[in-house]
Structures are given as structure tokens and as C-alpha cells.
Amino acid sequence: MPFSKFTGEWIYDKSHKSRQEIQRLKQYLLTIYRSGKIDNFDFDELERLTSKGLAFESNIPQGYGVGSSGSVTAAVYDLLFKHNERVSINELKSILGLIESCYHGSSSGVDPLVSYLGQPILIHNKHKVELLDRINQGINESLFLIDTSIKRSTAPLVEAYLATRRESEQFLMEMQDIAAINDELIDYYLLDNRELFTLKMKELSQAQYKTMSMMIPDQFKGMWKSGIESGQYSMKLNGAGGGGFLMVMKHNTDCLAEQELIAIV
């Protein structure tokens, strides 16, 4: 889903902190353009704009899993690709994923797609993309983010996760169970069924604490466990974990101080 609290835009400033990243992205785009992996890309325009001081001004925290690289990817596509109205949503997702791979080593394209379209999307069976006109806001009133104040790089965490999957059959089975719980959570969220969503959120919190503890920052493990034991709130990893934001669902309105939380709605 789009998160309207964070935004970004192109500016021209040769001293801007994003300039180094823009140059790195430019070289990556040139490489995949020359390899034939992308077309309809105006590299001459990119050269012209970067020489003028093209930079990306954003209030999106980097290394937090809230789409900082996805927003840049969407902005690059919007600025430099010749748009073809006949491109399907899945094709667009693939193109955006290829561009964002500059940052993560591999990308599903989901984050930049949401950023580019500016509306929620639902993924069926990892491939089919459905655009959602709106989301019921009832459950969102109980969902918040906690800032861990820890930046992390997605790529190493993804690599470690994939390596563990390959090496441990038990871990793979437990992750399949977590994926099933997550699918049910999505169903109940779309139905705005708070009772069943709450039950599954508690189940997910316990499962992630057991199986994915290596992705939970050490200083938040006590808080996570306390929520499980008290039943007053549940916690969930966002993205690759390891830092950034953690999601919290409050089951008791007074269980956590409001100043610790960032409202989603």
C-alpha cells in the first residue's frame, strides 16, 4: 500500500547527498540497456539531466523497508522511459523490478509498482497483480509502526535468508507455515474482519519470533516477547527485518505509549 507520510521528487542540485547514488544508478541502467535487458529508455536524456545536477529529494528513510529505493525506481521510470500504454501490469512490475535490482541484487518490483501507481495492489500466486481501488480502514486504526532507529541493507539479509532456506529443511517448512498465515492475514484484512485478523496476527507474531529471530533487532526481542506473553499487542517484521520499522497491532488501547508509535492512517 502507498504510505502517504513519505514522498520524494526530482530536483537539480549538484551538491545534493543523493547525487552519488544517482550516478551509480546511471551506470547500472547503462549496463542493462547495453545488454538489451531494457528498451524504450532515453539514456541521452539521463546524461543531460545528470550533468545539470539531477538529484532526488525525499523524506523516505533509507534502509527501513518503506520503499526508498522503490520511489527512486518509480521516478526514474516516469522520467526516462517512453511509456507504452499497452504494457501490462505484470510487464511493468518486471521492468521496475529490474531497475530496482540495482539496490537489492534482486527485486520483485512490488514496491516501485505501488509507488508508481499510487494505489494498493494485491498479488495472487506471486504473479497475477490486482489493483485495489480502496482499503477498508477499520483494522488500520490498530496498526502502528515502531522506529528501531537501525538502518539495514536488504541484500545481505535476503542472501542470508535464502541460504538458510537451502540448508535447513525445518526452516523451509516453518517459513511455508508463516507464508500460509500471512495469506490468511491478507484475506481477513481485505474483509476487514478484525477478530480473525487479530487471531492470525498473534499467530504470526509467535511464528516469526520462533523462526525469524535472527531478523529481529536484539534490543526489541524483549518487547516482542512481552507482547506475545501479555496478549496486549502483536509485532511483525517489515520487509527483510534487521531494523527499519516494526509493525505493531495493539489489542489493548492503553498497552503502549502513543509517542512510541507512528500511525499508519
C-alpha atoms as a PDB file:
ATOM      1  CA  MET A   1       0.000   0.000   0.000  1.00  0.00           C
ATOM      2  CA  PRO A   2       1.158   3.571  -0.560  1.00  0.00           C
ATOM      3  CA  PHE A   3       2.356   5.297   2.617  1.00  0.00           C
ATOM      4  CA  SER A   4       1.449   8.957   2.170  1.00  0.00           C
ATOM      5  CA  LYS A   5       3.630  10.184   5.038  1.00  0.00           C
ATOM      6  CA  PHE A   6       6.710   9.721   2.835  1.00  0.00           C
ATOM      7  CA  THR A   7       7.306  11.378  -0.550  1.00  0.00           C
ATOM      8  CA  GLY A   8      10.098  12.209  -2.988  1.00  0.00           C
ATOM      9  CA  GLU A   9      10.691  14.401  -6.046  1.00  0.00           C
ATOM     10  CA  TRP A  10      13.349  15.270  -8.635  1.00  0.00           C
ATOM     11  CA  ILE A  11      15.356  18.453  -8.081  1.00  0.00           C
ATOM     12  CA  TYR A  12      18.531  19.961  -9.535  1.00  0.00           C
ATOM     13  CA  ASP A  13      21.326  20.352  -7.007  1.00  0.00           C
ATOM     14  CA  LYS A  14      24.899  19.314  -7.801  1.00  0.00           C
ATOM     15  CA  SER A  15      25.803  19.217  -4.100  1.00  0.00           C
ATOM     16  CA  HIS A  16      22.828  17.060  -3.040  1.00  0.00           C
ATOM     17  CA  LYS A  17      23.567  13.931  -0.988  1.00  0.00           C
ATOM     18  CA  SER A  18      21.690  11.710  -3.466  1.00  0.00           C
ATOM     19  CA  ARG A  19      23.996  12.562  -6.377  1.00  0.00           C
ATOM     20  CA  GLN A  20      26.379   9.666  -5.748  1.00  0.00           C
ATOM     21  CA  GLU A  21      23.508   7.173  -5.741  1.00  0.00           C
ATOM     22  CA  ILE A  22      22.087   8.712  -8.919  1.00  0.00           C
ATOM     23  CA  GLN A  23      25.459   8.256 -10.639  1.00  0.00           C
ATOM     24  CA  ARG A  24      25.609   4.617  -9.520  1.00  0.00           C
ATOM     25  CA  LEU A  25      22.083   4.035 -10.816  1.00  0.00           C
ATOM     26  CA  LYS A  26      23.017   5.699 -14.113  1.00  0.00           C
ATOM     27  CA  GLN A  27      25.896   3.273 -14.644  1.00  0.00           C
ATOM     28  CA  TYR A  28      23.678   0.322 -13.798  1.00  0.00           C
ATOM     29  CA  LEU A  29      20.982   1.474 -16.224  1.00  0.00           C
ATOM     30  CA  LEU A  30      23.571   1.922 -18.949  1.00  0.00           C
ATOM     31  CA  THR A  31      24.847  -1.628 -18.367  1.00  0.00           C
ATOM     32  CA  ILE A  32      21.430  -3.287 -18.604  1.00  0.00           C
ATOM     33  CA  TYR A  33      20.484  -1.028 -21.535  1.00  0.00           C
ATOM     34  CA  ARG A  34      23.553  -2.106 -23.499  1.00  0.00           C
ATOM     35  CA  SER A  35      22.867  -5.748 -22.637  1.00  0.00           C
ATOM     36  CA  GLY A  36      19.425  -5.487 -24.209  1.00  0.00           C
ATOM     37  CA  LYS A  37      17.523  -6.140 -20.973  1.00  0.00           C
ATOM     38  CA  ILE A  38      15.602  -2.867 -21.256  1.00  0.00           C
ATOM     39  CA  ASP A  39      14.467  -0.752 -24.190  1.00  0.00           C
ATOM     40  CA  ASN A  40      12.467   2.441 -24.723  1.00  0.00           C
ATOM     41  CA  PHE A  41      14.936   4.095 -22.365  1.00  0.00           C
ATOM     42  CA  ASP A  42      16.206   7.629 -23.069  1.00  0.00           C
ATOM     43  CA  PHE A  43      19.813   7.388 -21.910  1.00  0.00           C
ATOM     44  CA  ASP A  44      20.768  10.656 -23.672  1.00  0.00           C
ATOM     45  CA  GLU A  45      18.192  12.458 -21.569  1.00  0.00           C
ATOM     46  CA  LEU A  46      19.611  10.861 -18.418  1.00  0.00           C
ATOM     47  CA  GLU A  47      23.088  12.116 -19.354  1.00  0.00           C
ATOM     48  CA  ARG A  48      21.732  15.607 -19.967  1.00  0.00           C
ATOM     49  CA  LEU A  49      19.784  15.762 -16.717  1.00  0.00           C
ATOM     50  CA  THR A  50      22.551  14.339 -14.517  1.00  0.00           C
ATOM     51  CA  SER A  51      25.002  16.866 -15.967  1.00  0.00           C
ATOM     52  CA  LYS A  52      22.558  19.591 -14.882  1.00  0.00           C
ATOM     53  CA  GLY A  53      22.600  18.236 -11.305  1.00  0.00           C
ATOM     54  CA  LEU A  54      19.676  15.812 -11.207  1.00  0.00           C
ATOM     55  CA  ALA A  55      19.033  14.699  -7.613  1.00  0.00           C
ATOM     56  CA  PHE A  56      16.223  13.021  -5.670  1.00  0.00           C
ATOM     57  CA  GLU A  57      14.867  14.928  -2.671  1.00  0.00           C
ATOM     58  CA  SER A  58      12.977  12.640  -0.305  1.00  0.00           C
ATOM     59  CA  ASN A  59      11.866  12.307   3.308  1.00  0.00           C
ATOM     60  CA  ILE A  60      11.769   8.495   2.989  1.00  0.00           C
ATOM     61  CA  PRO A  61      14.261   6.909   5.422  1.00  0.00           C
ATOM     62  CA  GLN A  62      16.790   4.651   3.689  1.00  0.00           C
ATOM     63  CA  GLY A  63      17.328   1.104   4.919  1.00  0.00           C
ATOM     64  CA  TYR A  64      13.874   0.973   6.532  1.00  0.00           C
ATOM     65  CA  GLY A  65      11.867  -1.175   4.139  1.00  0.00           C
ATOM     66  CA  VAL A  66       9.346   1.564   3.367  1.00  0.00           C
ATOM     67  CA  GLY A  67      10.229   1.990  -0.283  1.00  0.00           C
ATOM     68  CA  SER A  68      13.099   4.471  -0.556  1.00  0.00           C
ATOM     69  CA  SER A  69      14.615   2.576  -3.488  1.00  0.00           C
ATOM     70  CA  GLY A  70      11.162   1.831  -4.875  1.00  0.00           C
ATOM     71  CA  SER A  71      10.297   5.525  -5.042  1.00  0.00           C
ATOM     72  CA  VAL A  72      13.520   6.363  -6.917  1.00  0.00           C
ATOM     73  CA  THR A  73      12.868   3.460  -9.293  1.00  0.00           C
ATOM     74  CA  ALA A  74       9.331   4.670  -9.996  1.00  0.00           C
ATOM     75  CA  ALA A  75      10.614   8.223 -10.515  1.00  0.00           C
ATOM     76  CA  VAL A  76      13.316   7.016 -12.952  1.00  0.00           C
ATOM     77  CA  TYR A  77      10.773   5.046 -14.969  1.00  0.00           C
ATOM     78  CA  ASP A  78       8.391   8.006 -15.068  1.00  0.00           C
ATOM     79  CA  LEU A  79      11.156  10.398 -16.146  1.00  0.00           C
ATOM     80  CA  LEU A  80      13.204   8.365 -18.607  1.00  0.00           C
ATOM     81  CA  PHE A  81      11.158   5.566 -20.127  1.00  0.00           C
ATOM     82  CA  LYS A  82       8.974   6.052 -23.163  1.00  0.00           C
ATOM     83  CA  HIS A  83       5.624   4.953 -21.859  1.00  0.00           C
ATOM     84  CA  ASN A  84       3.681   2.339 -23.725  1.00  0.00           C
ATOM     85  CA  GLU A  85       0.008   2.166 -22.736  1.00  0.00           C
ATOM     86  CA  ARG A  86      -0.099  -1.436 -23.953  1.00  0.00           C
ATOM     87  CA  VAL A  87       2.401  -2.574 -21.304  1.00  0.00           C
ATOM     88  CA  SER A  88       0.596  -4.887 -18.885  1.00  0.00           C
ATOM     89  CA  ILE A  89       0.789  -4.501 -15.119  1.00  0.00           C
ATOM     90  CA  ASN A  90       2.930  -7.641 -14.883  1.00  0.00           C
ATOM     91  CA  GLU A  91       5.318  -6.340 -17.552  1.00  0.00           C
ATOM     92  CA  LEU A  92       5.550  -3.008 -15.744  1.00  0.00           C
ATOM     93  CA  LYS A  93       6.255  -4.843 -12.482  1.00  0.00           C
ATOM     94  CA  SER A  94       9.080  -6.784 -14.176  1.00  0.00           C
ATOM     95  CA  ILE A  95      10.665  -3.644 -15.650  1.00  0.00           C
ATOM     96  CA  LEU A  96      10.517  -1.833 -12.319  1.00  0.00           C
ATOM     97  CA  GLY A  97      11.939  -4.901 -10.546  1.00  0.00           C
ATOM     98  CA  LEU A  98      14.864  -4.977 -12.970  1.00  0.00           C
ATOM     99  CA  ILE A  99      15.639  -1.310 -12.327  1.00  0.00           C
ATOM    100  CA  GLU A 100      15.345  -1.682  -8.531  1.00  0.00           C
ATOM    101  CA  SER A 101      17.701  -4.678  -8.622  1.00  0.00           C
ATOM    102  CA  CYS A 102      20.454  -2.055  -8.724  1.00  0.00           C
ATOM    103  CA  TYR A 103      19.828  -1.628  -4.992  1.00  0.00           C
ATOM    104  CA  HIS A 104      18.848  -5.102  -3.767  1.00  0.00           C
ATOM    105  CA  GLY A 105      20.565  -7.540  -6.115  1.00  0.00           C
ATOM    106  CA  SER A 106      17.075  -8.903  -6.828  1.00  0.00           C
ATOM    107  CA  SER A 107      13.685  -7.203  -6.678  1.00  0.00           C
ATOM    108  CA  SER A 108      10.089  -8.340  -7.081  1.00  0.00           C
ATOM    109  CA  GLY A 109       9.133  -4.913  -8.419  1.00  0.00           C
ATOM    110  CA  VAL A 110       6.271  -4.618  -5.912  1.00  0.00           C
ATOM    111  CA  ASP A 111       7.497  -1.524  -4.034  1.00  0.00           C
ATOM    112  CA  PRO A 112       8.208   0.595  -7.132  1.00  0.00           C
ATOM    113  CA  LEU A 113       4.933  -0.561  -8.712  1.00  0.00           C
ATOM    114  CA  VAL A 114       2.941   0.675  -5.696  1.00  0.00           C
ATOM    115  CA  SER A 115       4.919   3.916  -5.726  1.00  0.00           C
ATOM    116  CA  TYR A 116       4.430   4.430  -9.452  1.00  0.00           C
ATOM    117  CA  LEU A 117       0.687   3.646  -9.485  1.00  0.00           C
ATOM    118  CA  GLY A 118      -0.053   5.310  -6.157  1.00  0.00           C
ATOM    119  CA  GLN A 119      -2.620   2.693  -5.173  1.00  0.00           C
ATOM    120  CA  PRO A 120      -2.766  -0.615  -3.272  1.00  0.00           C
ATOM    121  CA  ILE A 121      -2.063  -3.850  -5.120  1.00  0.00           C
ATOM    122  CA  LEU A 122      -2.831  -7.496  -4.366  1.00  0.00           C
ATOM    123  CA  ILE A 123      -0.505 -10.260  -5.615  1.00  0.00           C
ATOM    124  CA  HIS A 124      -2.059 -13.634  -6.449  1.00  0.00           C
ATOM    125  CA  ASN A 125       0.216 -16.704  -6.569  1.00  0.00           C
ATOM    126  CA  LYS A 126       3.333 -14.485  -6.791  1.00  0.00           C
ATOM    127  CA  HIS A 127       2.468 -13.407 -10.335  1.00  0.00           C
ATOM    128  CA  LYS A 128      -1.009 -12.039 -11.020  1.00  0.00           C
ATOM    129  CA  VAL A 129      -1.369  -8.416  -9.937  1.00  0.00           C
ATOM    130  CA  GLU A 130      -4.733  -6.948  -8.963  1.00  0.00           C
ATOM    131  CA  LEU A 131      -5.205  -3.204  -8.494  1.00  0.00           C
ATOM    132  CA  LEU A 132      -7.327  -2.288  -5.477  1.00  0.00           C
ATOM    133  CA  ASP A 133      -9.443   0.863  -5.549  1.00  0.00           C
ATOM    134  CA  ARG A 134      -9.551   1.262  -1.796  1.00  0.00           C
ATOM    135  CA  ILE A 135      -8.740  -0.406   1.503  1.00  0.00           C
ATOM    136  CA  ASN A 136     -11.092  -0.619   4.485  1.00  0.00           C
ATOM    137  CA  GLN A 137      -9.600   1.494   7.262  1.00  0.00           C
ATOM    138  CA  GLY A 138     -11.075  -0.292  10.306  1.00  0.00           C
ATOM    139  CA  ILE A 139      -8.133  -2.590  11.103  1.00  0.00           C
ATOM    140  CA  ASN A 140      -5.620   0.147  10.250  1.00  0.00           C
ATOM    141  CA  GLU A 141      -6.715   2.030  13.369  1.00  0.00           C
ATOM    142  CA  SER A 142      -4.975  -0.638  15.473  1.00  0.00           C
ATOM    143  CA  LEU A 143      -1.814  -0.863  13.342  1.00  0.00           C
ATOM    144  CA  PHE A 144       1.276   1.234  14.013  1.00  0.00           C
ATOM    145  CA  LEU A 145       4.985   1.350  13.190  1.00  0.00           C
ATOM    146  CA  ILE A 146       7.867   1.483  15.650  1.00  0.00           C
ATOM    147  CA  ASP A 147      11.098   3.131  14.541  1.00  0.00           C
ATOM    148  CA  THR A 148      14.056   0.936  15.527  1.00  0.00           C
ATOM    149  CA  SER A 149      16.481   3.725  14.503  1.00  0.00           C
ATOM    150  CA  ILE A 150      18.517   0.980  12.793  1.00  0.00           C
ATOM    151  CA  LYS A 151      19.373   1.211   9.118  1.00  0.00           C
ATOM    152  CA  ARG A 152      19.933  -2.076   7.330  1.00  0.00           C
ATOM    153  CA  SER A 153      20.861  -3.225   3.857  1.00  0.00           C
ATOM    154  CA  THR A 154      18.273  -5.509   2.273  1.00  0.00           C
ATOM    155  CA  ALA A 155      20.582  -7.537   0.008  1.00  0.00           C
ATOM    156  CA  PRO A 156      22.709  -9.277   2.729  1.00  0.00           C
ATOM    157  CA  LEU A 157      19.594 -10.111   4.752  1.00  0.00           C
ATOM    158  CA  VAL A 158      17.874 -11.616   1.710  1.00  0.00           C
ATOM    159  CA  GLU A 159      21.002 -13.630   0.883  1.00  0.00           C
ATOM    160  CA  ALA A 160      21.241 -14.964   4.462  1.00  0.00           C
ATOM    161  CA  TYR A 161      17.554 -15.874   4.427  1.00  0.00           C
ATOM    162  CA  LEU A 162      17.846 -17.737   1.112  1.00  0.00           C
ATOM    163  CA  ALA A 163      20.974 -19.574   2.318  1.00  0.00           C
ATOM    164  CA  THR A 164      19.148 -20.716   5.470  1.00  0.00           C
ATOM    165  CA  ARG A 165      16.225 -21.934   3.349  1.00  0.00           C
ATOM    166  CA  ARG A 166      18.593 -24.022   1.225  1.00  0.00           C
ATOM    167  CA  GLU A 167      20.424 -25.513   4.206  1.00  0.00           C
ATOM    168  CA  SER A 168      17.577 -26.235   6.623  1.00  0.00           C
ATOM    169  CA  GLU A 169      14.507 -28.251   5.683  1.00  0.00           C
ATOM    170  CA  GLN A 170      12.961 -27.420   9.077  1.00  0.00           C
ATOM    171  CA  PHE A 171      13.373 -23.692   8.444  1.00  0.00           C
ATOM    172  CA  LEU A 172      11.805 -24.091   4.988  1.00  0.00           C
ATOM    173  CA  MET A 173       8.777 -25.886   6.451  1.00  0.00           C
ATOM    174  CA  GLU A 174       8.325 -23.253   9.148  1.00  0.00           C
ATOM    175  CA  MET A 175       8.588 -20.463   6.568  1.00  0.00           C
ATOM    176  CA  GLN A 176       5.910 -22.166   4.481  1.00  0.00           C
ATOM    177  CA  ASP A 177       3.668 -22.141   7.563  1.00  0.00           C
ATOM    178  CA  ILE A 178       4.401 -18.433   8.075  1.00  0.00           C
ATOM    179  CA  ALA A 179       3.540 -17.736   4.425  1.00  0.00           C
ATOM    180  CA  ALA A 180       0.203 -19.525   4.883  1.00  0.00           C
ATOM    181  CA  ILE A 181      -0.571 -17.441   7.981  1.00  0.00           C
ATOM    182  CA  ASN A 182       0.335 -14.296   6.074  1.00  0.00           C
ATOM    183  CA  ASP A 183      -2.030 -15.239   3.233  1.00  0.00           C
ATOM    184  CA  GLU A 184      -4.864 -15.638   5.737  1.00  0.00           C
ATOM    185  CA  LEU A 185      -3.976 -12.286   7.295  1.00  0.00           C
ATOM    186  CA  ILE A 186      -4.320 -10.632   3.889  1.00  0.00           C
ATOM    187  CA  ASP A 187      -7.722 -12.259   3.340  1.00  0.00           C
ATOM    188  CA  TYR A 188      -9.048 -11.107   6.729  1.00  0.00           C
ATOM    189  CA  TYR A 189      -7.552  -7.658   6.244  1.00  0.00           C
ATOM    190  CA  LEU A 190      -9.359  -7.196   2.926  1.00  0.00           C
ATOM    191  CA  LEU A 191     -12.583  -8.411   4.541  1.00  0.00           C
ATOM    192  CA  ASP A 192     -11.951  -6.012   7.454  1.00  0.00           C
ATOM    193  CA  ASN A 193     -12.573  -8.941   9.841  1.00  0.00           C
ATOM    194  CA  ARG A 194     -10.852  -7.631  12.968  1.00  0.00           C
ATOM    195  CA  GLU A 195     -11.498 -10.723  15.109  1.00  0.00           C
ATOM    196  CA  LEU A 196      -9.903 -13.227  12.739  1.00  0.00           C
ATOM    197  CA  PHE A 197      -7.175 -10.772  11.711  1.00  0.00           C
ATOM    198  CA  THR A 198      -6.230 -10.334  15.386  1.00  0.00           C
ATOM    199  CA  LEU A 199      -6.019 -14.102  15.955  1.00  0.00           C
ATOM    200  CA  LYS A 200      -3.776 -14.551  12.914  1.00  0.00           C
ATOM    201  CA  MET A 201      -1.631 -11.550  13.849  1.00  0.00           C
ATOM    202  CA  LYS A 202      -0.939 -13.159  17.244  1.00  0.00           C
ATOM    203  CA  GLU A 203      -0.113 -16.429  15.484  1.00  0.00           C
ATOM    204  CA  LEU A 204       2.232 -14.682  13.058  1.00  0.00           C
ATOM    205  CA  SER A 205       3.978 -12.801  15.870  1.00  0.00           C
ATOM    206  CA  GLN A 206       4.733 -16.068  17.681  1.00  0.00           C
ATOM    207  CA  ALA A 207       5.867 -17.814  14.496  1.00  0.00           C
ATOM    208  CA  GLN A 208       8.223 -15.009  13.456  1.00  0.00           C
ATOM    209  CA  TYR A 209       9.684 -14.785  16.972  1.00  0.00           C
ATOM    210  CA  LYS A 210      10.451 -18.505  16.872  1.00  0.00           C
ATOM    211  CA  THR A 211      11.663 -18.907  13.285  1.00  0.00           C
ATOM    212  CA  MET A 212      12.920 -15.468  12.243  1.00  0.00           C
ATOM    213  CA  SER A 213      14.503 -14.219  15.457  1.00  0.00           C
ATOM    214  CA  MET A 214      17.765 -13.533  13.604  1.00  0.00           C
ATOM    215  CA  MET A 215      15.919 -10.775  11.725  1.00  0.00           C
ATOM    216  CA  ILE A 216      14.519  -9.152  14.905  1.00  0.00           C
ATOM    217  CA  PRO A 217      16.890  -6.499  16.343  1.00  0.00           C
ATOM    218  CA  ASP A 218      18.208  -7.708  19.708  1.00  0.00           C
ATOM    219  CA  GLN A 219      17.011  -4.632  21.618  1.00  0.00           C
ATOM    220  CA  PHE A 220      13.412  -5.304  20.506  1.00  0.00           C
ATOM    221  CA  LYS A 221      13.241  -9.031  21.256  1.00  0.00           C
ATOM    222  CA  GLY A 222      12.177  -8.406  24.864  1.00  0.00           C
ATOM    223  CA  MET A 223       9.385  -6.105  23.765  1.00  0.00           C
ATOM    224  CA  TRP A 224       8.312  -8.612  21.107  1.00  0.00           C
ATOM    225  CA  LYS A 225       8.194 -11.469  23.653  1.00  0.00           C
ATOM    226  CA  SER A 226       6.327  -9.311  26.172  1.00  0.00           C
ATOM    227  CA  GLY A 227       3.571  -8.691  23.620  1.00  0.00           C
ATOM    228  CA  ILE A 228       3.237 -12.424  22.980  1.00  0.00           C
ATOM    229  CA  GLU A 229       3.083 -13.282  26.697  1.00  0.00           C
ATOM    230  CA  SER A 230       0.719 -10.471  27.723  1.00  0.00           C
ATOM    231  CA  GLY A 231      -1.542 -10.738  24.676  1.00  0.00           C
ATOM    232  CA  GLN A 232      -1.809  -6.930  24.651  1.00  0.00           C
ATOM    233  CA  TYR A 233      -0.102  -6.409  21.297  1.00  0.00           C
ATOM    234  CA  SER A 234       1.481  -8.333  18.429  1.00  0.00           C
ATOM    235  CA  MET A 235       4.564  -7.464  16.383  1.00  0.00           C
ATOM    236  CA  LYS A 236       5.524  -8.195  12.786  1.00  0.00           C
ATOM    237  CA  LEU A 237       8.666  -7.756  10.697  1.00  0.00           C
ATOM    238  CA  ASN A 238       8.521  -5.404   7.732  1.00  0.00           C
ATOM    239  CA  GLY A 239      10.387  -6.407   4.599  1.00  0.00           C
ATOM    240  CA  ALA A 240      13.733  -8.013   5.296  1.00  0.00           C
ATOM    241  CA  GLY A 241      13.718  -7.126   9.000  1.00  0.00           C
ATOM    242  CA  GLY A 242      17.010  -6.396  10.720  1.00  0.00           C
ATOM    243  CA  GLY A 243      15.978  -2.827  11.564  1.00  0.00           C
ATOM    244  CA  GLY A 244      13.884  -0.122   9.976  1.00  0.00           C
ATOM    245  CA  PHE A 245      10.257  -0.151  11.124  1.00  0.00           C
ATOM    246  CA  LEU A 246       8.477  -2.933  13.002  1.00  0.00           C
ATOM    247  CA  MET A 247       4.702  -3.249  12.759  1.00  0.00           C
ATOM    248  CA  VAL A 248       2.621  -3.376  15.925  1.00  0.00           C
ATOM    249  CA  MET A 249      -1.036  -4.277  16.335  1.00  0.00           C
ATOM    250  CA  LYS A 250      -2.485  -3.068  19.616  1.00  0.00           C
ATOM    251  CA  HIS A 251      -5.090  -5.355  21.168  1.00  0.00           C
ATOM    252  CA  ASN A 252      -5.413  -3.075  24.201  1.00  0.00           C
ATOM    253  CA  THR A 253      -5.732   0.655  23.507  1.00  0.00           C
ATOM    254  CA  ASP A 254      -3.547   1.573  26.515  1.00  0.00           C
ATOM    255  CA  CYS A 255      -0.833  -1.053  26.109  1.00  0.00           C
ATOM    256  CA  LEU A 256       1.834   1.168  24.516  1.00  0.00           C
ATOM    257  CA  ALA A 257       2.560   4.866  24.798  1.00  0.00           C
ATOM    258  CA  GLU A 258       1.298   6.732  21.728  1.00  0.00           C
ATOM    259  CA  GLN A 259       4.551   8.689  21.426  1.00  0.00           C
ATOM    260  CA  GLU A 260       6.393   5.443  20.635  1.00  0.00           C
ATOM    261  CA  LEU A 261       4.198   4.697  17.647  1.00  0.00           C
ATOM    262  CA  ILE A 262       3.718   6.019  14.124  1.00  0.00           C
ATOM    263  CA  ALA A 263       0.108   5.834  12.974  1.00  0.00           C
ATOM    264  CA  ILE A 264      -0.474   4.234   9.572  1.00  0.00           C
ATOM    265  CA  VAL A 265      -3.799   6.015   8.946  1.00  0.00           C
END
